[in-house]
Structures are given as structure tokens and as C-alpha cells.
Amino acid sequence: MQIMAADGVVVEPGDMLLLHTGFADVILEMDRRPDGEQLHRSCAVLDGRDPSLLQWISDSGVVALCADNYAVEAYPARDVDGPRAALPLHEHCLFKLGVPLASCGC
């Protein structure tokens, strides 16, 4: 939200939200010798357990979320007490809203 405000990004209903994290660039810089630990610590991911993020997605009217990382959201999701979805952003977007997710960092 801070980056969008600082850069004057406006998201309107019907938009596809495209997130460039640089993850694919990090993979390519590893020259076919990926370091799993470094990749795990590289670049931004969405926190699927953040209720304000989930509410913003619902309210925004976006029709798709796309990122250049491996899962759009953090995987594994941060721990919370009690039974919860393993990928809460996926559950919210795909199953509750019908909003597709796309990632291209695989």
C-alpha cells in the first residue's frame, strides 16, 4: 500500500494487479545454480494472513493477481494458532472471490 501511494498507483475494479518483485531476475543471475536458501530470502511476497490485505483485495475489484515470484504469497504462510488454510491468499482469491493468481518465477 505504501509503494502504491508513493508511486501514485491507482487500482480500479476490473484491473489485473501485476507485481514485479525481481524474483525472476534473481533466479537468472544464479546462472543455473539456484541457491534455495537465498531464493527463500529474496524479494517481496504478499502476507496471506494479513486481514487488511484480504479485505483490500475484496474491495478493490481486481480480476487477477500476478507476480514474478513462486507463489504470489509467502510460502509457507506464517504460523497462527488453530486450523488455517496453508495458502490463505489462495483460499481467499481462488475459492472465495474467483480471482485467479499467476506466478512466473517457477
PDB file of N, CA and C in Angstrom:
ATOM      1  N   MET A   1       0.826  -1.184   0.000  1.00  0.00           N
ATOM      2  CA  MET A   1       0.000   0.000   0.000  1.00  0.00           C
ATOM      3  C   MET A   1       0.872   1.250   0.000  1.00  0.00           C
ATOM      4  N   GLN A   2       1.994   1.197   0.741  1.00  0.00           N
ATOM      5  CA  GLN A   2       2.890   2.351   0.800  1.00  0.00           C
ATOM      6  C   GLN A   2       3.518   2.627  -0.560  1.00  0.00           C
ATOM      7  N   ILE A   3       3.932   1.599  -1.261  1.00  0.00           N
ATOM      8  CA  ILE A   3       4.534   1.771  -2.583  1.00  0.00           C
ATOM      9  C   ILE A   3       3.502   2.317  -3.560  1.00  0.00           C
ATOM     10  N   MET A   4       2.301   1.780  -3.511  1.00  0.00           N
ATOM     11  CA  MET A   4       1.261   2.265  -4.417  1.00  0.00           C
ATOM     12  C   MET A   4       0.981   3.738  -4.158  1.00  0.00           C
ATOM     13  N   ALA A   5       0.919   4.135  -2.890  1.00  0.00           N
ATOM     14  CA  ALA A   5       0.661   5.543  -2.556  1.00  0.00           C
ATOM     15  C   ALA A   5       1.828   6.419  -3.004  1.00  0.00           C
ATOM     16  N   ALA A   6       3.054   5.976  -2.742  1.00  0.00           N
ATOM     17  CA  ALA A   6       4.232   6.766  -3.102  1.00  0.00           C
ATOM     18  C   ALA A   6       4.372   6.939  -4.610  1.00  0.00           C
ATOM     19  N   ASP A   7       4.005   5.899  -5.368  1.00  0.00           N
ATOM     20  CA  ASP A   7       4.146   5.943  -6.826  1.00  0.00           C
ATOM     21  C   ASP A   7       2.887   6.431  -7.534  1.00  0.00           C
ATOM     22  N   GLY A   8       1.852   6.738  -6.779  1.00  0.00           N
ATOM     23  CA  GLY A   8       0.609   7.219  -7.384  1.00  0.00           C
ATOM     24  C   GLY A   8      -0.132   6.161  -8.175  1.00  0.00           C
ATOM     25  N   VAL A   9       0.010   4.910  -7.777  1.00  0.00           N
ATOM     26  CA  VAL A   9      -0.663   3.809  -8.470  1.00  0.00           C
ATOM     27  C   VAL A   9      -2.127   3.774  -8.052  1.00  0.00           C
ATOM     28  N   VAL A  10      -3.001   3.721  -9.027  1.00  0.00           N
ATOM     29  CA  VAL A  10      -4.436   3.624  -8.770  1.00  0.00           C
ATOM     30  C   VAL A  10      -4.919   2.286  -9.316  1.00  0.00           C
ATOM     31  N   VAL A  11      -5.542   1.505  -8.460  1.00  0.00           N
ATOM     32  CA  VAL A  11      -6.115   0.222  -8.860  1.00  0.00           C
ATOM     33  C   VAL A  11      -7.621   0.403  -8.920  1.00  0.00           C
ATOM     34  N   GLU A  12      -8.187   0.047 -10.078  1.00  0.00           N
ATOM     35  CA  GLU A  12      -9.620   0.210 -10.283  1.00  0.00           C
ATOM     36  C   GLU A  12     -10.270  -1.156 -10.494  1.00  0.00           C
ATOM     37  N   PRO A  13     -11.569  -1.255 -10.217  1.00  0.00           N
ATOM     38  CA  PRO A  13     -12.269  -2.517 -10.481  1.00  0.00           C
ATOM     39  C   PRO A  13     -12.057  -2.956 -11.933  1.00  0.00           C
ATOM     40  N   GLY A  14     -11.762  -4.244 -12.097  1.00  0.00           N
ATOM     41  CA  GLY A  14     -11.513  -4.793 -13.426  1.00  0.00           C
ATOM     42  C   GLY A  14     -10.040  -4.848 -13.783  1.00  0.00           C
ATOM     43  N   ASP A  15      -9.170  -4.240 -12.974  1.00  0.00           N
ATOM     44  CA  ASP A  15      -7.729  -4.270 -13.240  1.00  0.00           C
ATOM     45  C   ASP A  15      -7.128  -5.622 -12.873  1.00  0.00           C
ATOM     46  N   MET A  16      -6.063  -5.971 -13.598  1.00  0.00           N
ATOM     47  CA  MET A  16      -5.196  -7.073 -13.205  1.00  0.00           C
ATOM     48  C   MET A  16      -4.026  -6.441 -12.467  1.00  0.00           C
ATOM     49  N   LEU A  17      -3.743  -6.904 -11.259  1.00  0.00           N
ATOM     50  CA  LEU A  17      -2.645  -6.376 -10.469  1.00  0.00           C
ATOM     51  C   LEU A  17      -1.394  -7.176 -10.774  1.00  0.00           C
ATOM     52  N   LEU A  18      -0.370  -6.511 -11.307  1.00  0.00           N
ATOM     53  CA  LEU A  18       0.882  -7.158 -11.670  1.00  0.00           C
ATOM     54  C   LEU A  18       1.965  -6.685 -10.707  1.00  0.00           C
ATOM     55  N   LEU A  19       2.599  -7.627  -9.996  1.00  0.00           N
ATOM     56  CA  LEU A  19       3.615  -7.305  -9.001  1.00  0.00           C
ATOM     57  C   LEU A  19       4.984  -7.755  -9.494  1.00  0.00           C
ATOM     58  N   HIS A  20       5.876  -6.793  -9.679  1.00  0.00           N
ATOM     59  CA  HIS A  20       7.250  -7.113 -10.078  1.00  0.00           C
ATOM     60  C   HIS A  20       8.124  -7.060  -8.834  1.00  0.00           C
ATOM     61  N   THR A  21       8.585  -8.233  -8.395  1.00  0.00           N
ATOM     62  CA  THR A  21       9.408  -8.320  -7.183  1.00  0.00           C
ATOM     63  C   THR A  21      10.886  -8.459  -7.494  1.00  0.00           C
ATOM     64  N   GLY A  22      11.215  -8.838  -8.706  1.00  0.00           N
ATOM     65  CA  GLY A  22      12.602  -9.083  -9.076  1.00  0.00           C
ATOM     66  C   GLY A  22      13.040 -10.522  -8.876  1.00  0.00           C
ATOM     67  N   PHE A  23      12.121 -11.388  -8.444  1.00  0.00           N
ATOM     68  CA  PHE A  23      12.455 -12.782  -8.154  1.00  0.00           C
ATOM     69  C   PHE A  23      13.016 -13.507  -9.382  1.00  0.00           C
ATOM     70  N   ALA A  24      12.373 -13.329 -10.513  1.00  0.00           N
ATOM     71  CA  ALA A  24      12.851 -13.997 -11.732  1.00  0.00           C
ATOM     72  C   ALA A  24      14.260 -13.525 -12.090  1.00  0.00           C
ATOM     73  N   ASP A  25      14.539 -12.245 -11.864  1.00  0.00           N
ATOM     74  CA  ASP A  25      15.884 -11.727 -12.129  1.00  0.00           C
ATOM     75  C   ASP A  25      16.919 -12.384 -11.220  1.00  0.00           C
ATOM     76  N   VAL A  26      16.567 -12.587  -9.946  1.00  0.00           N
ATOM     77  CA  VAL A  26      17.480 -13.239  -9.004  1.00  0.00           C
ATOM     78  C   VAL A  26      17.792 -14.658  -9.481  1.00  0.00           C
ATOM     79  N   ILE A  27      16.775 -15.381  -9.933  1.00  0.00           N
ATOM     80  CA  ILE A  27      16.990 -16.747 -10.433  1.00  0.00           C
ATOM     81  C   ILE A  27      17.936 -16.727 -11.634  1.00  0.00           C
ATOM     82  N   LEU A  28      17.695 -15.841 -12.565  1.00  0.00           N
ATOM     83  CA  LEU A  28      18.542 -15.780 -13.760  1.00  0.00           C
ATOM     84  C   LEU A  28      19.978 -15.416 -13.411  1.00  0.00           C
ATOM     85  N   GLU A  29      20.172 -14.555 -12.418  1.00  0.00           N
ATOM     86  CA  GLU A  29      21.519 -14.172 -12.003  1.00  0.00           C
ATOM     87  C   GLU A  29      22.276 -15.330 -11.376  1.00  0.00           C
ATOM     88  N   MET A  30      21.593 -16.367 -10.953  1.00  0.00           N
ATOM     89  CA  MET A  30      22.251 -17.532 -10.346  1.00  0.00           C
ATOM     90  C   MET A  30      22.838 -18.463 -11.393  1.00  0.00           C
ATOM     91  N   ASP A  31      22.637 -18.141 -12.655  1.00  0.00           N
ATOM     92  CA  ASP A  31      23.273 -18.849 -13.762  1.00  0.00           C
ATOM     93  C   ASP A  31      23.153 -20.371 -13.654  1.00  0.00           C
ATOM     94  N   ARG A  32      21.906 -20.833 -13.528  1.00  0.00           N
ATOM     95  CA  ARG A  32      21.585 -22.266 -13.487  1.00  0.00           C
ATOM     96  C   ARG A  32      22.133 -22.993 -12.262  1.00  0.00           C
ATOM     97  N   ARG A  33      22.481 -22.247 -11.227  1.00  0.00           N
ATOM     98  CA  ARG A  33      22.931 -22.835  -9.959  1.00  0.00           C
ATOM     99  C   ARG A  33      22.122 -22.192  -8.822  1.00  0.00           C
ATOM    100  N   PRO A  34      20.827 -22.489  -8.762  1.00  0.00           N
ATOM    101  CA  PRO A  34      19.979 -21.828  -7.768  1.00  0.00           C
ATOM    102  C   PRO A  34      20.356 -22.193  -6.331  1.00  0.00           C
ATOM    103  N   ASP A  35      20.315 -21.221  -5.477  1.00  0.00           N
ATOM    104  CA  ASP A  35      20.556 -21.390  -4.053  1.00  0.00           C
ATOM    105  C   ASP A  35      19.207 -21.249  -3.350  1.00  0.00           C
ATOM    106  N   GLY A  36      18.661 -22.364  -2.901  1.00  0.00           N
ATOM    107  CA  GLY A  36      17.336 -22.376  -2.295  1.00  0.00           C
ATOM    108  C   GLY A  36      17.198 -21.441  -1.115  1.00  0.00           C
ATOM    109  N   GLU A  37      18.204 -21.390  -0.241  1.00  0.00           N
ATOM    110  CA  GLU A  37      18.150 -20.501   0.920  1.00  0.00           C
ATOM    111  C   GLU A  37      18.108 -19.042   0.492  1.00  0.00           C
ATOM    112  N   GLN A  38      18.943 -18.680  -0.461  1.00  0.00           N
ATOM    113  CA  GLN A  38      18.952 -17.295  -0.938  1.00  0.00           C
ATOM    114  C   GLN A  38      17.615 -16.948  -1.599  1.00  0.00           C
ATOM    115  N   LEU A  39      17.091 -17.867  -2.386  1.00  0.00           N
ATOM    116  CA  LEU A  39      15.806 -17.621  -3.043  1.00  0.00           C
ATOM    117  C   LEU A  39      14.683 -17.440  -2.020  1.00  0.00           C
ATOM    118  N   HIS A  40      14.738 -18.241  -0.960  1.00  0.00           N
ATOM    119  CA  HIS A  40      13.710 -18.152   0.073  1.00  0.00           C
ATOM    120  C   HIS A  40      13.719 -16.779   0.754  1.00  0.00           C
ATOM    121  N   ARG A  41      14.878 -16.156   0.833  1.00  0.00           N
ATOM    122  CA  ARG A  41      15.012 -14.850   1.487  1.00  0.00           C
ATOM    123  C   ARG A  41      14.937 -13.683   0.507  1.00  0.00           C
ATOM    124  N   SER A  42      14.781 -13.946  -0.769  1.00  0.00           N
ATOM    125  CA  SER A  42      14.817 -12.892  -1.781  1.00  0.00           C
ATOM    126  C   SER A  42      13.433 -12.357  -2.104  1.00  0.00           C
ATOM    127  N   CYS A  43      13.358 -11.065  -2.261  1.00  0.00           N
ATOM    128  CA  CYS A  43      12.208 -10.374  -2.843  1.00  0.00           C
ATOM    129  C   CYS A  43      10.969 -10.403  -1.960  1.00  0.00           C
ATOM    130  N   ALA A  44       9.977  -9.650  -2.380  1.00  0.00           N
ATOM    131  CA  ALA A  44       8.746  -9.477  -1.614  1.00  0.00           C
ATOM    132  C   ALA A  44       7.718 -10.542  -1.967  1.00  0.00           C
ATOM    133  N   VAL A  45       6.893 -10.845  -0.988  1.00  0.00           N
ATOM    134  CA  VAL A  45       5.735 -11.718  -1.167  1.00  0.00           C
ATOM    135  C   VAL A  45       4.575 -11.093  -0.403  1.00  0.00           C
ATOM    136  N   LEU A  46       3.365 -11.459  -0.742  1.00  0.00           N
ATOM    137  CA  LEU A  46       2.199 -10.970  -0.015  1.00  0.00           C
ATOM    138  C   LEU A  46       1.951 -11.843   1.205  1.00  0.00           C
ATOM    139  N   ASP A  47       1.523 -11.221   2.291  1.00  0.00           N
ATOM    140  CA  ASP A  47       1.204 -11.937   3.521  1.00  0.00           C
ATOM    141  C   ASP A  47      -0.264 -12.336   3.487  1.00  0.00           C
ATOM    142  N   GLY A  48      -0.525 -13.566   3.136  1.00  0.00           N
ATOM    143  CA  GLY A  48      -1.890 -14.063   3.026  1.00  0.00           C
ATOM    144  C   GLY A  48      -2.639 -14.114   4.341  1.00  0.00           C
ATOM    145  N   ARG A  49      -1.955 -13.935   5.451  1.00  0.00           N
ATOM    146  CA  ARG A  49      -2.613 -13.926   6.762  1.00  0.00           C
ATOM    147  C   ARG A  49      -2.973 -12.502   7.214  1.00  0.00           C
ATOM    148  N   ASP A  50      -2.709 -11.513   6.386  1.00  0.00           N
ATOM    149  CA  ASP A  50      -2.996 -10.124   6.730  1.00  0.00           C
ATOM    150  C   ASP A  50      -4.450  -9.806   6.385  1.00  0.00           C
ATOM    151  N   PRO A  51      -5.312  -9.654   7.390  1.00  0.00           N
ATOM    152  CA  PRO A  51      -6.730  -9.418   7.096  1.00  0.00           C
ATOM    153  C   PRO A  51      -6.968  -8.119   6.321  1.00  0.00           C
ATOM    154  N   SER A  52      -6.138  -7.105   6.535  1.00  0.00           N
ATOM    155  CA  SER A  52      -6.341  -5.854   5.792  1.00  0.00           C
ATOM    156  C   SER A  52      -6.011  -6.036   4.313  1.00  0.00           C
ATOM    157  N   LEU A  53      -5.028  -6.874   3.988  1.00  0.00           N
ATOM    158  CA  LEU A  53      -4.720  -7.176   2.588  1.00  0.00           C
ATOM    159  C   LEU A  53      -5.885  -7.923   1.942  1.00  0.00           C
ATOM    160  N   LEU A  54      -6.394  -8.925   2.631  1.00  0.00           N
ATOM    161  CA  LEU A  54      -7.502  -9.704   2.081  1.00  0.00           C
ATOM    162  C   LEU A  54      -8.727  -8.822   1.861  1.00  0.00           C
ATOM    163  N   GLN A  55      -8.985  -7.912   2.787  1.00  0.00           N
ATOM    164  CA  GLN A  55     -10.127  -7.011   2.635  1.00  0.00           C
ATOM    165  C   GLN A  55      -9.905  -6.057   1.462  1.00  0.00           C
ATOM    166  N   TRP A  56      -8.651  -5.557   1.319  1.00  0.00           N
ATOM    167  CA  TRP A  56      -8.347  -4.667   0.197  1.00  0.00           C
ATOM    168  C   TRP A  56      -8.573  -5.376  -1.134  1.00  0.00           C
ATOM    169  N   ILE A  57      -8.142  -6.625  -1.231  1.00  0.00           N
ATOM    170  CA  ILE A  57      -8.351  -7.390  -2.463  1.00  0.00           C
ATOM    171  C   ILE A  57      -9.844  -7.513  -2.746  1.00  0.00           C
ATOM    172  N   SER A  58     -10.623  -7.838  -1.725  1.00  0.00           N
ATOM    173  CA  SER A  58     -12.076  -7.949  -1.908  1.00  0.00           C
ATOM    174  C   SER A  58     -12.680  -6.631  -2.377  1.00  0.00           C
ATOM    175  N   ASP A  59     -12.274  -5.538  -1.743  1.00  0.00           N
ATOM    176  CA  ASP A  59     -12.856  -4.226  -2.034  1.00  0.00           C
ATOM    177  C   ASP A  59     -12.366  -3.628  -3.355  1.00  0.00           C
ATOM    178  N   SER A  60     -11.162  -4.001  -3.780  1.00  0.00           N
ATOM    179  CA  SER A  60     -10.536  -3.366  -4.947  1.00  0.00           C
ATOM    180  C   SER A  60     -11.210  -3.712  -6.269  1.00  0.00           C
ATOM    181  N   GLY A  61     -11.783  -4.911  -6.347  1.00  0.00           N
ATOM    182  CA  GLY A  61     -12.391  -5.347  -7.599  1.00  0.00           C
ATOM    183  C   GLY A  61     -11.387  -5.833  -8.626  1.00  0.00           C
ATOM    184  N   VAL A  62     -10.141  -6.138  -8.200  1.00  0.00           N
ATOM    185  CA  VAL A  62      -9.176  -6.682  -9.156  1.00  0.00           C
ATOM    186  C   VAL A  62      -9.696  -8.012  -9.680  1.00  0.00           C
ATOM    187  N   VAL A  63      -9.341  -8.308 -10.939  1.00  0.00           N
ATOM    188  CA  VAL A  63      -9.818  -9.554 -11.546  1.00  0.00           C
ATOM    189  C   VAL A  63      -8.733 -10.619 -11.611  1.00  0.00           C
ATOM    190  N   ALA A  64      -7.490 -10.263 -11.271  1.00  0.00           N
ATOM    191  CA  ALA A  64      -6.390 -11.223 -11.225  1.00  0.00           C
ATOM    192  C   ALA A  64      -5.227 -10.609 -10.461  1.00  0.00           C
ATOM    193  N   LEU A  65      -4.458 -11.463  -9.785  1.00  0.00           N
ATOM    194  CA  LEU A  65      -3.214 -11.069  -9.122  1.00  0.00           C
ATOM    195  C   LEU A  65      -2.085 -11.872  -9.749  1.00  0.00           C
ATOM    196  N   CYS A  66      -1.065 -11.189 -10.224  1.00  0.00           N
ATOM    197  CA  CYS A  66       0.052 -11.840 -10.907  1.00  0.00           C
ATOM    198  C   CYS A  66       1.350 -11.338 -10.300  1.00  0.00           C
ATOM    199  N   ALA A  67       2.314 -12.225 -10.128  1.00  0.00           N
ATOM    200  CA  ALA A  67       3.611 -11.841  -9.576  1.00  0.00           C
ATOM    201  C   ALA A  67       4.711 -12.650 -10.243  1.00  0.00           C
ATOM    202  N   ASP A  68       5.925 -12.113 -10.171  1.00  0.00           N
ATOM    203  CA  ASP A  68       7.065 -12.821 -10.751  1.00  0.00           C
ATOM    204  C   ASP A  68       7.792 -13.646  -9.695  1.00  0.00           C
ATOM    205  N   ASN A  69       7.110 -14.006  -8.618  1.00  0.00           N
ATOM    206  CA  ASN A  69       7.720 -14.876  -7.621  1.00  0.00           C
ATOM    207  C   ASN A  69       7.091 -16.261  -7.699  1.00  0.00           C
ATOM    208  N   TYR A  70       7.392 -17.119  -6.755  1.00  0.00           N
ATOM    209  CA  TYR A  70       6.999 -18.519  -6.897  1.00  0.00           C
ATOM    210  C   TYR A  70       5.573 -18.840  -6.456  1.00  0.00           C
ATOM    211  N   ALA A  71       4.913 -17.978  -5.697  1.00  0.00           N
ATOM    212  CA  ALA A  71       3.567 -18.337  -5.246  1.00  0.00           C
ATOM    213  C   ALA A  71       2.651 -17.139  -5.026  1.00  0.00           C
ATOM    214  N   VAL A  72       3.063 -15.963  -5.371  1.00  0.00           N
ATOM    215  CA  VAL A  72       2.358 -14.704  -5.118  1.00  0.00           C
ATOM    216  C   VAL A  72       2.398 -14.380  -3.628  1.00  0.00           C
ATOM    217  N   GLU A  73       1.985 -15.325  -2.776  1.00  0.00           N
ATOM    218  CA  GLU A  73       2.024 -15.103  -1.335  1.00  0.00           C
ATOM    219  C   GLU A  73       3.195 -15.856  -0.704  1.00  0.00           C
ATOM    220  N   ALA A  74       3.494 -15.506   0.537  1.00  0.00           N
ATOM    221  CA  ALA A  74       4.564 -16.179   1.267  1.00  0.00           C
ATOM    222  C   ALA A  74       4.224 -17.656   1.434  1.00  0.00           C
ATOM    223  N   TYR A  75       5.195 -18.506   1.179  1.00  0.00           N
ATOM    224  CA  TYR A  75       5.025 -19.929   1.399  1.00  0.00           C
ATOM    225  C   TYR A  75       6.255 -20.468   2.094  1.00  0.00           C
ATOM    226  N   PRO A  76       6.099 -21.120   3.226  1.00  0.00           N
ATOM    227  CA  PRO A  76       4.823 -21.343   3.893  1.00  0.00           C
ATOM    228  C   PRO A  76       4.297 -20.057   4.522  1.00  0.00           C
ATOM    229  N   ALA A  77       2.977 -19.989   4.685  1.00  0.00           N
ATOM    230  CA  ALA A  77       2.357 -18.835   5.344  1.00  0.00           C
ATOM    231  C   ALA A  77       2.808 -18.807   6.804  1.00  0.00           C
ATOM    232  N   ARG A  78       2.844 -17.609   7.375  1.00  0.00           N
ATOM    233  CA  ARG A  78       3.280 -17.517   8.773  1.00  0.00           C
ATOM    234  C   ARG A  78       2.313 -18.276   9.663  1.00  0.00           C
ATOM    235  N   ASP A  79       2.867 -18.826  10.727  1.00  0.00           N
ATOM    236  CA  ASP A  79       2.098 -19.662  11.650  1.00  0.00           C
ATOM    237  C   ASP A  79       1.082 -18.845  12.441  1.00  0.00           C
ATOM    238  N   VAL A  80      -0.047 -19.445  12.676  1.00  0.00           N
ATOM    239  CA  VAL A  80      -1.073 -18.906  13.564  1.00  0.00           C
ATOM    240  C   VAL A  80      -1.659 -20.076  14.334  1.00  0.00           C
ATOM    241  N   ASP A  81      -2.295 -19.786  15.452  1.00  0.00           N
ATOM    242  CA  ASP A  81      -2.919 -20.845  16.244  1.00  0.00           C
ATOM    243  C   ASP A  81      -4.195 -21.338  15.572  1.00  0.00           C
ATOM    244  N   GLY A  82      -4.450 -22.614  15.740  1.00  0.00           N
ATOM    245  CA  GLY A  82      -5.684 -23.191  15.235  1.00  0.00           C
ATOM    246  C   GLY A  82      -5.600 -23.595  13.781  1.00  0.00           C
ATOM    247  N   PRO A  83      -6.620 -24.302  13.312  1.00  0.00           N
ATOM    248  CA  PRO A  83      -6.634 -24.753  11.914  1.00  0.00           C
ATOM    249  C   PRO A  83      -6.803 -23.572  10.961  1.00  0.00           C
ATOM    250  N   ARG A  84      -5.968 -23.541   9.954  1.00  0.00           N
ATOM    251  CA  ARG A  84      -5.998 -22.475   8.962  1.00  0.00           C
ATOM    252  C   ARG A  84      -5.577 -23.041   7.611  1.00  0.00           C
ATOM    253  N   ALA A  85      -5.936 -22.329   6.557  1.00  0.00           N
ATOM    254  CA  ALA A  85      -5.519 -22.726   5.210  1.00  0.00           C
ATOM    255  C   ALA A  85      -3.997 -22.606   5.093  1.00  0.00           C
ATOM    256  N   ALA A  86      -3.388 -23.538   4.382  1.00  0.00           N
ATOM    257  CA  ALA A  86      -1.937 -23.500   4.179  1.00  0.00           C
ATOM    258  C   ALA A  86      -1.538 -22.302   3.327  1.00  0.00           C
ATOM    259  N   LEU A  87      -2.368 -21.943   2.363  1.00  0.00           N
ATOM    260  CA  LEU A  87      -2.134 -20.794   1.489  1.00  0.00           C
ATOM    261  C   LEU A  87      -3.361 -19.878   1.569  1.00  0.00           C
ATOM    262  N   PRO A  88      -3.425 -19.024   2.588  1.00  0.00           N
ATOM    263  CA  PRO A  88      -4.642 -18.249   2.823  1.00  0.00           C
ATOM    264  C   PRO A  88      -4.997 -17.261   1.713  1.00  0.00           C
ATOM    265  N   LEU A  89      -4.013 -16.693   1.042  1.00  0.00           N
ATOM    266  CA  LEU A  89      -4.322 -15.789  -0.069  1.00  0.00           C
ATOM    267  C   LEU A  89      -4.947 -16.566  -1.219  1.00  0.00           C
ATOM    268  N   HIS A  90      -4.425 -17.765  -1.467  1.00  0.00           N
ATOM    269  CA  HIS A  90      -5.011 -18.630  -2.493  1.00  0.00           C
ATOM    270  C   HIS A  90      -6.460 -18.964  -2.147  1.00  0.00           C
ATOM    271  N   GLU A  91      -6.696 -19.335  -0.883  1.00  0.00           N
ATOM    272  CA  GLU A  91      -8.059 -19.658  -0.465  1.00  0.00           C
ATOM    273  C   GLU A  91      -8.982 -18.459  -0.690  1.00  0.00           C
ATOM    274  N   HIS A  92      -8.534 -17.295  -0.272  1.00  0.00           N
ATOM    275  CA  HIS A  92      -9.365 -16.095  -0.379  1.00  0.00           C
ATOM    276  C   HIS A  92      -9.648 -15.735  -1.841  1.00  0.00           C
ATOM    277  N   CYS A  93      -8.586 -15.685  -2.635  1.00  0.00           N
ATOM    278  CA  CYS A  93      -8.749 -15.248  -4.028  1.00  0.00           C
ATOM    279  C   CYS A  93      -9.432 -16.302  -4.895  1.00  0.00           C
ATOM    280  N   LEU A  94      -8.916 -17.510  -4.880  1.00  0.00           N
ATOM    281  CA  LEU A  94      -9.421 -18.544  -5.781  1.00  0.00           C
ATOM    282  C   LEU A  94     -10.789 -19.069  -5.376  1.00  0.00           C
ATOM    283  N   PHE A  95     -10.957 -19.398  -4.111  1.00  0.00           N
ATOM    284  CA  PHE A  95     -12.171 -20.091  -3.688  1.00  0.00           C
ATOM    285  C   PHE A  95     -13.281 -19.154  -3.236  1.00  0.00           C
ATOM    286  N   LYS A  96     -12.922 -18.042  -2.596  1.00  0.00           N
ATOM    287  CA  LYS A  96     -13.959 -17.138  -2.107  1.00  0.00           C
ATOM    288  C   LYS A  96     -14.354 -16.089  -3.136  1.00  0.00           C
ATOM    289  N   LEU A  97     -13.364 -15.586  -3.906  1.00  0.00           N
ATOM    290  CA  LEU A  97     -13.647 -14.492  -4.828  1.00  0.00           C
ATOM    291  C   LEU A  97     -13.637 -14.889  -6.302  1.00  0.00           C
ATOM    292  N   GLY A  98     -13.018 -16.022  -6.635  1.00  0.00           N
ATOM    293  CA  GLY A  98     -12.884 -16.405  -8.039  1.00  0.00           C
ATOM    294  C   GLY A  98     -11.854 -15.565  -8.771  1.00  0.00           C
ATOM    295  N   VAL A  99     -10.899 -15.003  -8.031  1.00  0.00           N
ATOM    296  CA  VAL A  99      -9.841 -14.179  -8.625  1.00  0.00           C
ATOM    297  C   VAL A  99      -8.626 -15.073  -8.877  1.00  0.00           C
ATOM    298  N   PRO A 100      -8.231 -15.255 -10.133  1.00  0.00           N
ATOM    299  CA  PRO A 100      -7.083 -16.120 -10.424  1.00  0.00           C
ATOM    300  C   PRO A 100      -5.770 -15.491  -9.975  1.00  0.00           C
ATOM    301  N   LEU A 101      -4.817 -16.364  -9.653  1.00  0.00           N
ATOM    302  CA  LEU A 101      -3.459 -15.968  -9.302  1.00  0.00           C
ATOM    303  C   LEU A 101      -2.527 -16.510 -10.374  1.00  0.00           C
ATOM    304  N   ALA A 102      -1.470 -15.778 -10.649  1.00  0.00           N
ATOM    305  CA  ALA A 102      -0.481 -16.245 -11.616  1.00  0.00           C
ATOM    306  C   ALA A 102       0.899 -15.890 -11.101  1.00  0.00           C
ATOM    307  N   SER A 103       1.817 -16.830 -11.225  1.00  0.00           N
ATOM    308  CA  SER A 103       3.209 -16.540 -10.879  1.00  0.00           C
ATOM    309  C   SER A 103       4.081 -17.082 -11.997  1.00  0.00           C
ATOM    310  N   CYS A 104       5.184 -16.413 -12.205  1.00  0.00           N
ATOM    311  CA  CYS A 104       6.067 -16.849 -13.289  1.00  0.00           C
ATOM    312  C   CYS A 104       7.494 -17.003 -12.820  1.00  0.00           C
ATOM    313  N   GLY A 105       7.699 -17.253 -11.527  1.00  0.00           N
ATOM    314  CA  GLY A 105       9.053 -17.408 -11.024  1.00  0.00           C
ATOM    315  C   GLY A 105       9.482 -18.850 -10.896  1.00  0.00           C
ATOM    316  N   CYS A 106       8.680 -19.773 -11.409  1.00  0.00           N
ATOM    317  CA  CYS A 106       8.979 -21.204 -11.253  1.00  0.00           C
ATOM    318  C   CYS A 106      10.197 -21.613 -12.062  1.00  0.00           C
TER     319      CYS A 106
END
